């Protein structure tokens, strides 16, 4: 999220990264505070792990298509999630 905000600031204002980063950090602090402190500055891996946990929690062994629709994922992604879970 931070990287995206920095990019938007740089593209919209023409600021150098060294100036855009502190602004992005302040924006994140305000937004996080406003949504009860839930972290927005998560890595792609953390977001993937959270999605995987939610998908696995919803899967009962027979509702693959329902879970895929609910989470907006393809069958291939669903099976990758199952594979990662089995490898743990």
PDB file of N, CA and C in Angstrom:
ATOM      1  N   UNK A   1       0.823  -1.180   0.000  1.00  0.00           N
ATOM      2  CA  UNK A   1       0.000   0.000   0.000  1.00  0.00           C
ATOM      3  C   UNK A   1       0.871   1.250   0.000  1.00  0.00           C
ATOM      4  N   UNK A   2       1.906   1.243   0.818  1.00  0.00           N
ATOM      5  CA  UNK A   2       2.799   2.408   0.902  1.00  0.00           C
ATOM      6  C   UNK A   2       3.414   2.709  -0.454  1.00  0.00           C
ATOM      7  N   UNK A   3       3.868   1.681  -1.132  1.00  0.00           N
ATOM      8  CA  UNK A   3       4.488   1.859  -2.444  1.00  0.00           C
ATOM      9  C   UNK A   3       3.513   2.482  -3.430  1.00  0.00           C
ATOM     10  N   UNK A   4       2.285   2.047  -3.389  1.00  0.00           N
ATOM     11  CA  UNK A   4       1.269   2.604  -4.288  1.00  0.00           C
ATOM     12  C   UNK A   4       1.010   4.073  -3.994  1.00  0.00           C
ATOM     13  N   UNK A   5       0.933   4.409  -2.709  1.00  0.00           N
ATOM     14  CA  UNK A   5       0.691   5.803  -2.340  1.00  0.00           C
ATOM     15  C   UNK A   5       1.859   6.674  -2.783  1.00  0.00           C
ATOM     16  N   UNK A   6       3.077   6.200  -2.567  1.00  0.00           N
ATOM     17  CA  UNK A   6       4.260   6.954  -3.011  1.00  0.00           C
ATOM     18  C   UNK A   6       4.195   7.183  -4.518  1.00  0.00           C
ATOM     19  N   UNK A   7       3.853   6.153  -5.258  1.00  0.00           N
ATOM     20  CA  UNK A   7       3.784   6.284  -6.714  1.00  0.00           C
ATOM     21  C   UNK A   7       2.744   7.321  -7.130  1.00  0.00           C
ATOM     22  N   UNK A   8       1.579   7.271  -6.495  1.00  0.00           N
ATOM     23  CA  UNK A   8       0.520   8.231  -6.834  1.00  0.00           C
ATOM     24  C   UNK A   8       0.972   9.655  -6.513  1.00  0.00           C
ATOM     25  N   UNK A   9       1.587   9.838  -5.371  1.00  0.00           N
ATOM     26  CA  UNK A   9       2.073  11.175  -5.007  1.00  0.00           C
ATOM     27  C   UNK A   9       3.103  11.655  -6.020  1.00  0.00           C
ATOM     28  N   UNK A  10       4.042  10.786  -6.366  1.00  0.00           N
ATOM     29  CA  UNK A  10       5.083  11.180  -7.323  1.00  0.00           C
ATOM     30  C   UNK A  10       4.483  11.517  -8.683  1.00  0.00           C
ATOM     31  N   UNK A  11       3.576  10.671  -9.158  1.00  0.00           N
ATOM     32  CA  UNK A  11       2.997  10.886 -10.488  1.00  0.00           C
ATOM     33  C   UNK A  11       2.101  12.119 -10.527  1.00  0.00           C
ATOM     34  N   UNK A  12       1.379  12.381  -9.453  1.00  0.00           N
ATOM     35  CA  UNK A  12       0.434  13.503  -9.475  1.00  0.00           C
ATOM     36  C   UNK A  12       1.080  14.844  -9.153  1.00  0.00           C
ATOM     37  N   UNK A  13       2.211  14.818  -8.431  1.00  0.00           N
ATOM     38  CA  UNK A  13       2.830  16.084  -8.035  1.00  0.00           C
ATOM     39  C   UNK A  13       4.187  16.338  -8.677  1.00  0.00           C
ATOM     40  N   UNK A  14       4.812  15.267  -9.172  1.00  0.00           N
ATOM     41  CA  UNK A  14       6.148  15.419  -9.722  1.00  0.00           C
ATOM     42  C   UNK A  14       7.242  15.448  -8.664  1.00  0.00           C
ATOM     43  N   UNK A  15       6.877  15.171  -7.405  1.00  0.00           N
ATOM     44  CA  UNK A  15       7.871  15.175  -6.335  1.00  0.00           C
ATOM     45  C   UNK A  15       8.840  14.009  -6.477  1.00  0.00           C
ATOM     46  N   UNK A  16      10.049  14.208  -6.001  1.00  0.00           N
ATOM     47  CA  UNK A  16      11.025  13.129  -5.941  1.00  0.00           C
ATOM     48  C   UNK A  16      10.613  12.147  -4.842  1.00  0.00           C
ATOM     49  N   UNK A  17      11.088  10.925  -4.963  1.00  0.00           N
ATOM     50  CA  UNK A  17      10.721   9.885  -3.995  1.00  0.00           C
ATOM     51  C   UNK A  17      11.071  10.286  -2.569  1.00  0.00           C
ATOM     52  N   UNK A  18      12.218  10.920  -2.387  1.00  0.00           N
ATOM     53  CA  UNK A  18      12.644  11.295  -1.035  1.00  0.00           C
ATOM     54  C   UNK A  18      11.658  12.249  -0.359  1.00  0.00           C
ATOM     55  N   UNK A  19      10.880  12.982  -1.138  1.00  0.00           N
ATOM     56  CA  UNK A  19       9.876  13.876  -0.581  1.00  0.00           C
ATOM     57  C   UNK A  19       8.499  13.212  -0.511  1.00  0.00           C
ATOM     58  N   UNK A  20       8.243  12.296  -1.411  1.00  0.00           N
ATOM     59  CA  UNK A  20       6.940  11.625  -1.456  1.00  0.00           C
ATOM     60  C   UNK A  20       6.790  10.591  -0.344  1.00  0.00           C
ATOM     61  N   UNK A  21       7.874   9.946   0.056  1.00  0.00           N
ATOM     62  CA  UNK A  21       7.811   8.885   1.072  1.00  0.00           C
ATOM     63  C   UNK A  21       7.290   9.403   2.415  1.00  0.00           C
ATOM     64  N   UNK A  22       7.815  10.510   2.946  1.00  0.00           N
ATOM     65  CA  UNK A  22       7.275  10.990   4.232  1.00  0.00           C
ATOM     66  C   UNK A  22       5.791  11.365   4.153  1.00  0.00           C
ATOM     67  N   UNK A  23       5.374  11.891   3.017  1.00  0.00           N
ATOM     68  CA  UNK A  23       3.963  12.222   2.847  1.00  0.00           C
ATOM     69  C   UNK A  23       3.128  10.941   2.863  1.00  0.00           C
ATOM     70  N   UNK A  24       3.580   9.914   2.140  1.00  0.00           N
ATOM     71  CA  UNK A  24       2.872   8.631   2.110  1.00  0.00           C
ATOM     72  C   UNK A  24       2.790   8.025   3.504  1.00  0.00           C
ATOM     73  N   UNK A  25       3.867   8.125   4.275  1.00  0.00           N
ATOM     74  CA  UNK A  25       3.855   7.586   5.637  1.00  0.00           C
ATOM     75  C   UNK A  25       2.813   8.282   6.500  1.00  0.00           C
ATOM     76  N   UNK A  26       2.686   9.586   6.355  1.00  0.00           N
ATOM     77  CA  UNK A  26       1.685  10.335   7.119  1.00  0.00           C
ATOM     78  C   UNK A  26       0.266   9.950   6.696  1.00  0.00           C
ATOM     79  N   UNK A  27       0.066   9.792   5.402  1.00  0.00           N
ATOM     80  CA  UNK A  27      -1.249   9.372   4.901  1.00  0.00           C
ATOM     81  C   UNK A  27      -1.617   8.021   5.493  1.00  0.00           C
ATOM     82  N   UNK A  28      -0.682   7.083   5.489  1.00  0.00           N
ATOM     83  CA  UNK A  28      -0.951   5.755   6.052  1.00  0.00           C
ATOM     84  C   UNK A  28      -1.296   5.831   7.535  1.00  0.00           C
ATOM     85  N   UNK A  29      -0.578   6.654   8.288  1.00  0.00           N
ATOM     86  CA  UNK A  29      -0.853   6.782   9.723  1.00  0.00           C
ATOM     87  C   UNK A  29      -2.275   7.275   9.963  1.00  0.00           C
ATOM     88  N   UNK A  30      -2.684   8.271   9.218  1.00  0.00           N
ATOM     89  CA  UNK A  30      -4.022   8.831   9.384  1.00  0.00           C
ATOM     90  C   UNK A  30      -5.084   7.793   9.006  1.00  0.00           C
ATOM     91  N   UNK A  31      -4.886   7.132   7.902  1.00  0.00           N
ATOM     92  CA  UNK A  31      -5.876   6.157   7.447  1.00  0.00           C
ATOM     93  C   UNK A  31      -5.950   4.988   8.425  1.00  0.00           C
ATOM     94  N   UNK A  32      -4.810   4.498   8.884  1.00  0.00           N
ATOM     95  CA  UNK A  32      -4.812   3.389   9.834  1.00  0.00           C
ATOM     96  C   UNK A  32      -5.520   3.780  11.123  1.00  0.00           C
ATOM     97  N   UNK A  33      -5.271   4.991  11.597  1.00  0.00           N
ATOM     98  CA  UNK A  33      -5.929   5.457  12.811  1.00  0.00           C
ATOM     99  C   UNK A  33      -7.443   5.532  12.593  1.00  0.00           C
ATOM    100  N   UNK A  34      -7.831   5.974  11.416  1.00  0.00           N
ATOM    101  CA  UNK A  34      -9.251   6.129  11.123  1.00  0.00           C
ATOM    102  C   UNK A  34      -9.985   4.807  10.960  1.00  0.00           C
ATOM    103  N   UNK A  35      -9.269   3.739  10.677  1.00  0.00           N
ATOM    104  CA  UNK A  35      -9.936   2.433  10.554  1.00  0.00           C
ATOM    105  C   UNK A  35      -9.558   1.534  11.721  1.00  0.00           C
ATOM    106  N   UNK A  36      -9.456   2.141  12.885  1.00  0.00           N
ATOM    107  CA  UNK A  36      -9.200   1.415  14.138  1.00  0.00           C
ATOM    108  C   UNK A  36      -7.857   0.703  14.181  1.00  0.00           C
ATOM    109  N   UNK A  37      -6.867   1.265  13.530  1.00  0.00           N
ATOM    110  CA  UNK A  37      -5.523   0.737  13.648  1.00  0.00           C
ATOM    111  C   UNK A  37      -5.209  -0.504  12.853  1.00  0.00           C
ATOM    112  N   UNK A  38      -6.104  -0.947  11.993  1.00  0.00           N
ATOM    113  CA  UNK A  38      -5.797  -2.111  11.167  1.00  0.00           C
ATOM    114  C   UNK A  38      -4.710  -1.733  10.171  1.00  0.00           C
ATOM    115  N   UNK A  39      -3.672  -2.519  10.122  1.00  0.00           N
ATOM    116  CA  UNK A  39      -2.517  -2.203   9.282  1.00  0.00           C
ATOM    117  C   UNK A  39      -2.848  -2.282   7.806  1.00  0.00           C
ATOM    118  N   UNK A  40      -2.520  -1.228   7.088  1.00  0.00           N
ATOM    119  CA  UNK A  40      -2.695  -1.209   5.640  1.00  0.00           C
ATOM    120  C   UNK A  40      -1.376  -1.456   4.940  1.00  0.00           C
ATOM    121  N   UNK A  41      -0.305  -1.263   5.652  1.00  0.00           N
ATOM    122  CA  UNK A  41       1.012  -1.362   5.048  1.00  0.00           C
ATOM    123  C   UNK A  41       1.519  -2.803   5.131  1.00  0.00           C
ATOM    124  N   UNK A  42       0.761  -3.716   4.526  1.00  0.00           N
ATOM    125  CA  UNK A  42       1.123  -5.129   4.550  1.00  0.00           C
ATOM    126  C   UNK A  42       1.813  -5.511   3.254  1.00  0.00           C
ATOM    127  N   UNK A  43       2.657  -6.504   3.339  1.00  0.00           N
ATOM    128  CA  UNK A  43       3.329  -6.985   2.143  1.00  0.00           C
ATOM    129  C   UNK A  43       2.372  -7.837   1.330  1.00  0.00           C
ATOM    130  N   UNK A  44       2.714  -8.043   0.079  1.00  0.00           N
ATOM    131  CA  UNK A  44       1.890  -8.900  -0.778  1.00  0.00           C
ATOM    132  C   UNK A  44       1.783 -10.296  -0.167  1.00  0.00           C
ATOM    133  N   UNK A  45       2.884 -10.761   0.409  1.00  0.00           N
ATOM    134  CA  UNK A  45       2.880 -12.098   1.018  1.00  0.00           C
ATOM    135  C   UNK A  45       1.904 -12.172   2.194  1.00  0.00           C
ATOM    136  N   UNK A  46       1.897 -11.124   3.028  1.00  0.00           N
ATOM    137  CA  UNK A  46       0.975 -11.105   4.160  1.00  0.00           C
ATOM    138  C   UNK A  46      -0.478 -11.096   3.685  1.00  0.00           C
ATOM    139  N   UNK A  47      -0.747 -10.332   2.628  1.00  0.00           N
ATOM    140  CA  UNK A  47      -2.110 -10.293   2.094  1.00  0.00           C
ATOM    141  C   UNK A  47      -2.495 -11.649   1.516  1.00  0.00           C
ATOM    142  N   UNK A  48      -1.539 -12.311   0.829  1.00  0.00           N
ATOM    143  CA  UNK A  48      -1.804 -13.632   0.268  1.00  0.00           C
ATOM    144  C   UNK A  48      -2.063 -14.643   1.376  1.00  0.00           C
ATOM    145  N   UNK A  49      -1.270 -14.588   2.438  1.00  0.00           N
ATOM    146  CA  UNK A  49      -1.452 -15.526   3.547  1.00  0.00           C
ATOM    147  C   UNK A  49      -2.804 -15.325   4.223  1.00  0.00           C
ATOM    148  N   UNK A  50      -3.225 -14.075   4.371  1.00  0.00           N
ATOM    149  CA  UNK A  50      -4.531 -13.816   4.965  1.00  0.00           C
ATOM    150  C   UNK A  50      -5.647 -14.353   4.069  1.00  0.00           C
ATOM    151  N   UNK A  51      -5.536 -14.091   2.763  1.00  0.00           N
ATOM    152  CA  UNK A  51      -6.547 -14.605   1.831  1.00  0.00           C
ATOM    153  C   UNK A  51      -6.588 -16.128   1.886  1.00  0.00           C
ATOM    154  N   UNK A  52      -5.420 -16.757   1.903  1.00  0.00           N
ATOM    155  CA  UNK A  52      -5.364 -18.215   1.966  1.00  0.00           C
ATOM    156  C   UNK A  52      -6.075 -18.733   3.211  1.00  0.00           C
ATOM    157  N   UNK A  53      -5.834 -18.086   4.363  1.00  0.00           N
ATOM    158  CA  UNK A  53      -6.498 -18.521   5.601  1.00  0.00           C
ATOM    159  C   UNK A  53      -8.011 -18.408   5.489  1.00  0.00           C
ATOM    160  N   UNK A  54      -8.482 -17.312   4.891  1.00  0.00           N
ATOM    161  CA  UNK A  54      -9.927 -17.122   4.740  1.00  0.00           C
ATOM    162  C   UNK A  54     -10.531 -18.157   3.801  1.00  0.00           C
ATOM    163  N   UNK A  55      -9.841 -18.433   2.703  1.00  0.00           N
ATOM    164  CA  UNK A  55     -10.325 -19.434   1.747  1.00  0.00           C
ATOM    165  C   UNK A  55     -10.397 -20.797   2.418  1.00  0.00           C
ATOM    166  N   UNK A  56      -9.339 -21.175   3.116  1.00  0.00           N
ATOM    167  CA  UNK A  56      -9.313 -22.480   3.771  1.00  0.00           C
ATOM    168  C   UNK A  56     -10.372 -22.578   4.868  1.00  0.00           C
ATOM    169  N   UNK A  57     -10.626 -21.495   5.573  1.00  0.00           N
ATOM    170  CA  UNK A  57     -11.647 -21.507   6.621  1.00  0.00           C
ATOM    171  C   UNK A  57     -13.043 -21.713   6.031  1.00  0.00           C
ATOM    172  N   UNK A  58     -13.279 -21.193   4.829  1.00  0.00           N
ATOM    173  CA  UNK A  58     -14.595 -21.319   4.196  1.00  0.00           C
ATOM    174  C   UNK A  58     -14.798 -22.656   3.485  1.00  0.00           C
ATOM    175  N   UNK A  59     -13.704 -23.338   3.161  1.00  0.00           N
ATOM    176  CA  UNK A  59     -13.796 -24.576   2.382  1.00  0.00           C
ATOM    177  C   UNK A  59     -14.172 -25.740   3.290  1.00  0.00           C
ATOM    178  N   UNK A  60     -15.248 -26.461   2.912  1.00  0.00           N
ATOM    179  CA  UNK A  60     -15.690 -27.599   3.722  1.00  0.00           C
ATOM    180  C   UNK A  60     -15.427 -28.942   3.039  1.00  0.00           C
ATOM    181  N   UNK A  61     -14.677 -28.910   1.945  1.00  0.00           N
ATOM    182  CA  UNK A  61     -14.371 -30.144   1.241  1.00  0.00           C
ATOM    183  C   UNK A  61     -15.240 -30.389   0.027  1.00  0.00           C
ATOM    184  N   UNK A  62     -16.359 -29.661  -0.055  1.00  0.00           N
ATOM    185  CA  UNK A  62     -17.268 -29.881  -1.176  1.00  0.00           C
ATOM    186  C   UNK A  62     -17.728 -28.591  -1.856  1.00  0.00           C
ATOM    187  N   UNK A  63     -17.395 -27.452  -1.319  1.00  0.00           N
ATOM    188  CA  UNK A  63     -17.944 -26.193  -1.825  1.00  0.00           C
ATOM    189  C   UNK A  63     -16.919 -25.339  -2.579  1.00  0.00           C
ATOM    190  N   UNK A  64     -16.093 -25.977  -3.376  1.00  0.00           N
ATOM    191  CA  UNK A  64     -15.024 -25.288  -4.102  1.00  0.00           C
ATOM    192  C   UNK A  64     -15.543 -24.104  -4.904  1.00  0.00           C
ATOM    193  N   UNK A  65     -16.566 -24.313  -5.726  1.00  0.00           N
ATOM    194  CA  UNK A  65     -17.061 -23.243  -6.593  1.00  0.00           C
ATOM    195  C   UNK A  65     -17.607 -22.070  -5.781  1.00  0.00           C
ATOM    196  N   UNK A  66     -18.304 -22.367  -4.717  1.00  0.00           N
ATOM    197  CA  UNK A  66     -18.853 -21.314  -3.851  1.00  0.00           C
ATOM    198  C   UNK A  66     -17.722 -20.486  -3.233  1.00  0.00           C
ATOM    199  N   UNK A  67     -16.683 -21.167  -2.753  1.00  0.00           N
ATOM    200  CA  UNK A  67     -15.536 -20.474  -2.146  1.00  0.00           C
ATOM    201  C   UNK A  67     -14.821 -19.612  -3.190  1.00  0.00           C
ATOM    202  N   UNK A  68     -14.648 -20.148  -4.383  1.00  0.00           N
ATOM    203  CA  UNK A  68     -13.994 -19.382  -5.458  1.00  0.00           C
ATOM    204  C   UNK A  68     -14.782 -18.114  -5.775  1.00  0.00           C
ATOM    205  N   UNK A  69     -16.094 -18.236  -5.876  1.00  0.00           N
ATOM    206  CA  UNK A  69     -16.936 -17.057  -6.160  1.00  0.00           C
ATOM    207  C   UNK A  69     -16.844 -16.041  -5.032  1.00  0.00           C
ATOM    208  N   UNK A  70     -16.959 -16.508  -3.806  1.00  0.00           N
ATOM    209  CA  UNK A  70     -16.952 -15.616  -2.651  1.00  0.00           C
ATOM    210  C   UNK A  70     -15.669 -14.800  -2.574  1.00  0.00           C
ATOM    211  N   UNK A  71     -14.534 -15.445  -2.889  1.00  0.00           N
ATOM    212  CA  UNK A  71     -13.239 -14.786  -2.743  1.00  0.00           C
ATOM    213  C   UNK A  71     -12.704 -14.227  -4.063  1.00  0.00           C
ATOM    214  N   UNK A  72     -13.463 -14.419  -5.138  1.00  0.00           N
ATOM    215  CA  UNK A  72     -13.051 -13.876  -6.427  1.00  0.00           C
ATOM    216  C   UNK A  72     -11.774 -14.486  -6.962  1.00  0.00           C
ATOM    217  N   UNK A  73     -11.633 -15.787  -6.780  1.00  0.00           N
ATOM    218  CA  UNK A  73     -10.428 -16.473  -7.249  1.00  0.00           C
ATOM    219  C   UNK A  73     -10.798 -17.548  -8.268  1.00  0.00           C
ATOM    220  N   UNK A  74      -9.831 -17.908  -9.083  1.00  0.00           N
ATOM    221  CA  UNK A  74     -10.040 -18.971 -10.068  1.00  0.00           C
ATOM    222  C   UNK A  74      -9.845 -20.332  -9.405  1.00  0.00           C
ATOM    223  N   UNK A  75     -10.266 -21.369 -10.123  1.00  0.00           N
ATOM    224  CA  UNK A  75     -10.026 -22.736  -9.620  1.00  0.00           C
ATOM    225  C   UNK A  75      -8.538 -23.001  -9.484  1.00  0.00           C
ATOM    226  N   UNK A  76      -7.752 -22.502 -10.442  1.00  0.00           N
ATOM    227  CA  UNK A  76      -6.293 -22.711 -10.384  1.00  0.00           C
ATOM    228  C   UNK A  76      -5.714 -22.093  -9.113  1.00  0.00           C
ATOM    229  N   UNK A  77      -6.150 -20.880  -8.791  1.00  0.00           N
ATOM    230  CA  UNK A  77      -5.678 -20.233  -7.558  1.00  0.00           C
ATOM    231  C   UNK A  77      -6.137 -21.011  -6.338  1.00  0.00           C
ATOM    232  N   UNK A  78      -7.361 -21.498  -6.368  1.00  0.00           N
ATOM    233  CA  UNK A  78      -7.886 -22.308  -5.273  1.00  0.00           C
ATOM    234  C   UNK A  78      -6.990 -23.526  -5.029  1.00  0.00           C
ATOM    235  N   UNK A  79      -6.622 -24.207  -6.106  1.00  0.00           N
ATOM    236  CA  UNK A  79      -5.787 -25.399  -5.950  1.00  0.00           C
ATOM    237  C   UNK A  79      -4.359 -25.042  -5.528  1.00  0.00           C
ATOM    238  N   UNK A  80      -3.867 -23.879  -5.912  1.00  0.00           N
ATOM    239  CA  UNK A  80      -2.552 -23.441  -5.421  1.00  0.00           C
ATOM    240  C   UNK A  80      -2.609 -23.217  -3.920  1.00  0.00           C
ATOM    241  N   UNK A  81      -3.708 -22.618  -3.458  1.00  0.00           N
ATOM    242  CA  UNK A  81      -3.886 -22.395  -2.015  1.00  0.00           C
ATOM    243  C   UNK A  81      -3.915 -23.726  -1.272  1.00  0.00           C
ATOM    244  N   UNK A  82      -4.664 -24.691  -1.796  1.00  0.00           N
ATOM    245  CA  UNK A  82      -4.694 -26.022  -1.166  1.00  0.00           C
ATOM    246  C   UNK A  82      -3.309 -26.659  -1.142  1.00  0.00           C
ATOM    247  N   UNK A  83      -2.581 -26.494  -2.244  1.00  0.00           N
ATOM    248  CA  UNK A  83      -1.232 -27.052  -2.321  1.00  0.00           C
ATOM    249  C   UNK A  83      -0.289 -26.432  -1.295  1.00  0.00           C
ATOM    250  N   UNK A  84      -0.370 -25.120  -1.157  1.00  0.00           N
ATOM    251  CA  UNK A  84       0.488 -24.455  -0.149  1.00  0.00           C
ATOM    252  C   UNK A  84       0.129 -24.935   1.252  1.00  0.00           C
ATOM    253  N   UNK A  85      -1.180 -25.103   1.514  1.00  0.00           N
ATOM    254  CA  UNK A  85      -1.613 -25.567   2.829  1.00  0.00           C
ATOM    255  C   UNK A  85      -1.145 -26.989   3.102  1.00  0.00           C
ATOM    256  N   UNK A  86      -1.186 -27.823   2.083  1.00  0.00           N
ATOM    257  CA  UNK A  86      -0.752 -29.225   2.257  1.00  0.00           C
ATOM    258  C   UNK A  86       0.751 -29.316   2.479  1.00  0.00           C
ATOM    259  N   UNK A  87       1.492 -28.371   1.919  1.00  0.00           N
ATOM    260  CA  UNK A  87       2.958 -28.391   2.038  1.00  0.00           C
ATOM    261  C   UNK A  87       3.432 -27.952   3.426  1.00  0.00           C
ATOM    262  N   UNK A  88       2.556 -27.326   4.177  1.00  0.00           N
ATOM    263  CA  UNK A  88       2.950 -26.819   5.519  1.00  0.00           C
ATOM    264  C   UNK A  88       2.963 -27.906   6.539  1.00  0.00           C
TER     265      UNK A  88
END
